C-alpha atoms as a PDB file:
ATOM      1  CA  MET A   1      24.510  -3.345  21.538  1.00  0.00           C
ATOM      2  CA  ILE A   2      21.216  -5.157  22.006  1.00  0.00           C
ATOM      3  CA  ILE A   3      19.676  -6.869  18.998  1.00  0.00           C
ATOM      4  CA  SER A   4      16.600  -8.954  18.423  1.00  0.00           C
ATOM      5  CA  ILE A   5      16.475 -11.917  16.095  1.00  0.00           C
ATOM      6  CA  ILE A   6      13.165 -13.210  14.750  1.00  0.00           C
ATOM      7  CA  PRO A   7      13.188 -16.552  12.909  1.00  0.00           C
ATOM      8  CA  ALA A   8      10.595 -16.770  10.122  1.00  0.00           C
ATOM      9  CA  ARG A   9      11.180 -19.466   7.562  1.00  0.00           C
ATOM     10  CA  GLY A  10       9.060 -20.179   4.536  1.00  0.00           C
ATOM     11  CA  GLY A  11       7.639 -23.588   3.754  1.00  0.00           C
ATOM     12  CA  SER A  12       5.334 -24.314   6.664  1.00  0.00           C
ATOM     13  CA  LYS A  13       3.281 -27.403   5.896  1.00  0.00           C
ATOM     14  CA  GLY A  14       0.799 -27.092   8.774  1.00  0.00           C
ATOM     15  CA  ILE A  15      -0.329 -23.570   7.866  1.00  0.00           C
ATOM     16  CA  PRO A  16       1.253 -22.538   4.552  1.00  0.00           C
ATOM     17  CA  GLY A  17       2.556 -18.971   4.654  1.00  0.00           C
ATOM     18  CA  LYS A  18       1.686 -18.633   8.349  1.00  0.00           C
ATOM     19  CA  ASN A  19       4.305 -15.996   9.104  1.00  0.00           C
ATOM     20  CA  ILE A  20       2.755 -13.510   6.684  1.00  0.00           C
ATOM     21  CA  ILE A  21      -0.928 -14.409   7.018  1.00  0.00           C
ATOM     22  CA  PRO A  22      -2.919 -11.340   8.121  1.00  0.00           C
ATOM     23  CA  VAL A  23      -3.854 -11.357  11.802  1.00  0.00           C
ATOM     24  CA  ALA A  24      -5.925  -8.424  13.088  1.00  0.00           C
ATOM     25  CA  GLY A  25      -5.109  -6.365  10.016  1.00  0.00           C
ATOM     26  CA  LYS A  26      -1.412  -7.031   9.445  1.00  0.00           C
ATOM     27  CA  PRO A  27       0.923  -9.956   8.752  1.00  0.00           C
ATOM     28  CA  LEU A  28       1.640 -12.153  11.777  1.00  0.00           C
ATOM     29  CA  LEU A  29       5.358 -11.337  11.507  1.00  0.00           C
ATOM     30  CA  ALA A  30       4.662  -7.585  11.580  1.00  0.00           C
ATOM     31  CA  TRP A  31       3.389  -7.691  15.168  1.00  0.00           C
ATOM     32  CA  THR A  32       6.700  -9.011  16.501  1.00  0.00           C
ATOM     33  CA  ILE A  33       8.806  -6.689  14.338  1.00  0.00           C
ATOM     34  CA  GLU A  34       6.858  -3.652  15.561  1.00  0.00           C
ATOM     35  CA  GLN A  35       7.177  -4.764  19.188  1.00  0.00           C
ATOM     36  CA  SER A  36      10.930  -5.136  18.770  1.00  0.00           C
ATOM     37  CA  LEU A  37      11.303  -1.769  17.038  1.00  0.00           C
ATOM     38  CA  ASN A  38       9.251  -0.096  19.759  1.00  0.00           C
ATOM     39  CA  ALA A  39      11.346  -1.561  22.560  1.00  0.00           C
ATOM     40  CA  LYS A  40      13.532   1.229  23.926  1.00  0.00           C
ATOM     41  CA  SER A  41      16.404  -1.150  24.717  1.00  0.00           C
ATOM     42  CA  VAL A  42      16.690  -2.856  21.308  1.00  0.00           C
ATOM     43  CA  ASP A  43      19.193  -1.284  18.901  1.00  0.00           C
ATOM     44  CA  SER A  44      18.547  -3.452  15.821  1.00  0.00           C
ATOM     45  CA  THR A  45      15.887  -5.914  14.713  1.00  0.00           C
ATOM     46  CA  TYR A  46      16.703  -8.790  12.357  1.00  0.00           C
ATOM     47  CA  VAL A  47      14.521 -11.414  10.683  1.00  0.00           C
ATOM     48  CA  THR A  48      16.278 -14.600   9.643  1.00  0.00           C
ATOM     49  CA  THR A  49      14.520 -16.201   6.694  1.00  0.00           C
ATOM     50  CA  ASN A  50      14.897 -18.226   3.527  1.00  0.00           C
ATOM     51  CA  ASN A  51      11.835 -16.729   1.831  1.00  0.00           C
ATOM     52  CA  ASP A  52      11.491 -13.678  -0.453  1.00  0.00           C
ATOM     53  CA  GLU A  53       7.907 -12.863   0.590  1.00  0.00           C
ATOM     54  CA  ILE A  54       8.790 -12.997   4.282  1.00  0.00           C
ATOM     55  CA  ALA A  55      11.839 -10.804   3.628  1.00  0.00           C
ATOM     56  CA  GLU A  56       9.666  -8.282   1.784  1.00  0.00           C
ATOM     57  CA  VAL A  57       7.203  -8.063   4.697  1.00  0.00           C
ATOM     58  CA  ALA A  58      10.066  -7.845   7.188  1.00  0.00           C
ATOM     59  CA  ARG A  59      11.665  -4.944   5.307  1.00  0.00           C
ATOM     60  CA  GLU A  60       8.305  -3.210   4.891  1.00  0.00           C
ATOM     61  CA  TYR A  61       7.879  -3.211   8.665  1.00  0.00           C
ATOM     62  CA  GLY A  62      11.442  -2.058   9.360  1.00  0.00           C
ATOM     63  CA  ALA A  63      13.508  -5.178  10.078  1.00  0.00           C
ATOM     64  CA  LYS A  64      16.887  -6.064   8.623  1.00  0.00           C
ATOM     65  CA  ILE A  65      17.258  -9.418   6.854  1.00  0.00           C
ATOM     66  CA  ILE A  66      19.639 -12.302   7.448  1.00  0.00           C
ATOM     67  CA  TRP A  67      19.332 -14.899   4.699  1.00  0.00           C
ATOM     68  CA  ARG A  68      19.175 -18.409   6.082  1.00  0.00           C
ATOM     69  CA  PRO A  69      20.535 -21.263   3.950  1.00  0.00           C
ATOM     70  CA  GLU A  70      18.081 -23.944   2.812  1.00  0.00           C
ATOM     71  CA  SER A  71      20.123 -26.549   4.704  1.00  0.00           C
ATOM     72  CA  ILE A  72      18.783 -25.103   7.972  1.00  0.00           C
ATOM     73  CA  SER A  73      15.335 -24.056   6.738  1.00  0.00           C
ATOM     74  CA  GLY A  74      13.419 -27.322   6.510  1.00  0.00           C
ATOM     75  CA  ASP A  75      10.789 -28.826   8.781  1.00  0.00           C
ATOM     76  CA  GLU A  76      13.454 -30.500  10.899  1.00  0.00           C
ATOM     77  CA  ALA A  77      15.518 -27.329  11.431  1.00  0.00           C
ATOM     78  CA  SER A  78      15.186 -25.814  14.880  1.00  0.00           C
ATOM     79  CA  SER A  79      14.809 -22.137  15.674  1.00  0.00           C
ATOM     80  CA  GLU A  80      17.964 -22.456  17.750  1.00  0.00           C
ATOM     81  CA  VAL A  81      19.975 -23.483  14.676  1.00  0.00           C
ATOM     82  CA  ALA A  82      18.628 -20.417  12.860  1.00  0.00           C
ATOM     83  CA  LEU A  83      19.610 -18.266  15.849  1.00  0.00           C
ATOM     84  CA  LEU A  84      23.157 -19.637  15.907  1.00  0.00           C
ATOM     85  CA  HIS A  85      23.479 -19.055  12.155  1.00  0.00           C
ATOM     86  CA  ALA A  86      22.239 -15.466  12.541  1.00  0.00           C
ATOM     87  CA  ILE A  87      24.686 -14.732  15.369  1.00  0.00           C
ATOM     88  CA  ASP A  88      27.567 -16.200  13.356  1.00  0.00           C
ATOM     89  CA  HIS A  89      26.529 -14.134  10.299  1.00  0.00           C
ATOM     90  CA  LEU A  90      26.357 -10.926  12.329  1.00  0.00           C
ATOM     91  CA  ARG A  91      29.781 -11.519  13.858  1.00  0.00           C
ATOM     92  CA  LYS A  92      31.580 -12.588  10.674  1.00  0.00           C
ATOM     93  CA  GLU A  93      29.824 -10.607   7.936  1.00  0.00           C
ATOM     94  CA  LYS A  94      28.605  -7.475   9.724  1.00  0.00           C
ATOM     95  CA  LYS A  95      31.276  -7.299  12.456  1.00  0.00           C
ATOM     96  CA  VAL A  96      28.483  -6.944  15.032  1.00  0.00           C
ATOM     97  CA  GLU A  97      29.168  -8.271  18.510  1.00  0.00           C
ATOM     98  CA  PRO A  98      25.889  -8.024  20.433  1.00  0.00           C
ATOM     99  CA  GLU A  99      25.950  -7.646  24.191  1.00  0.00           C
ATOM    100  CA  ILE A 100      22.425  -9.049  24.496  1.00  0.00           C
ATOM    101  CA  ILE A 101      20.355 -11.030  21.998  1.00  0.00           C
ATOM    102  CA  VAL A 102      16.579 -11.009  22.269  1.00  0.00           C
ATOM    103  CA  PHE A 103      15.127 -14.108  20.591  1.00  0.00           C
ATOM    104  CA  LEU A 104      11.540 -13.449  19.498  1.00  0.00           C
ATOM    105  CA  GLN A 105       9.183 -15.994  17.948  1.00  0.00           C
ATOM    106  CA  CYS A 106       6.780 -14.363  15.494  1.00  0.00           C
ATOM    107  CA  THR A 107       4.268 -17.138  16.095  1.00  0.00           C
ATOM    108  CA  SER A 108       3.891 -15.901  19.688  1.00  0.00           C
ATOM    109  CA  PRO A 109       3.009 -12.231  19.143  1.00  0.00           C
ATOM    110  CA  LEU A 110       1.034 -11.603  22.328  1.00  0.00           C
ATOM    111  CA  ARG A 111       3.313  -9.324  24.302  1.00  0.00           C
ATOM    112  CA  LYS A 112       2.493  -6.326  26.425  1.00  0.00           C
ATOM    113  CA  LYS A 113       3.983  -2.973  25.454  1.00  0.00           C
ATOM    114  CA  ASN A 114       6.940  -3.171  27.860  1.00  0.00           C
ATOM    115  CA  ASP A 115       7.531  -6.944  27.922  1.00  0.00           C
ATOM    116  CA  ILE A 116      10.705  -6.841  25.817  1.00  0.00           C
ATOM    117  CA  ASP A 117      12.250  -3.941  27.731  1.00  0.00           C
ATOM    118  CA  ASN A 118      11.283  -5.518  31.057  1.00  0.00           C
ATOM    119  CA  ALA A 119      12.860  -8.823  30.035  1.00  0.00           C
ATOM    120  CA  ILE A 120      16.088  -7.084  29.063  1.00  0.00           C
END
């Protein structure tokens, strides 16, 4: 099984709400979700978040949600910590053991159509 994990926390101080701000007609996060869902190799797409609005957008665009605890959602929390939490959650709570994990940053949405599949 190949899954993608997209970290998207709420509470950005630099650009408040940046992950769901419209960019070229849709929320920033939506671009990465759609790219993941359109990748032929990816079986499931997850967004790890601590924010209801981000979760709503993620669901609207077809991603599954992993709720991230506030203790790893602040300005000092790294994306890697969120990734490790998501992997642990999938293994323990969902009994999912991914073969490959694709780690996608929603703040870097400029990918060509086949970039994800080619990387895999």
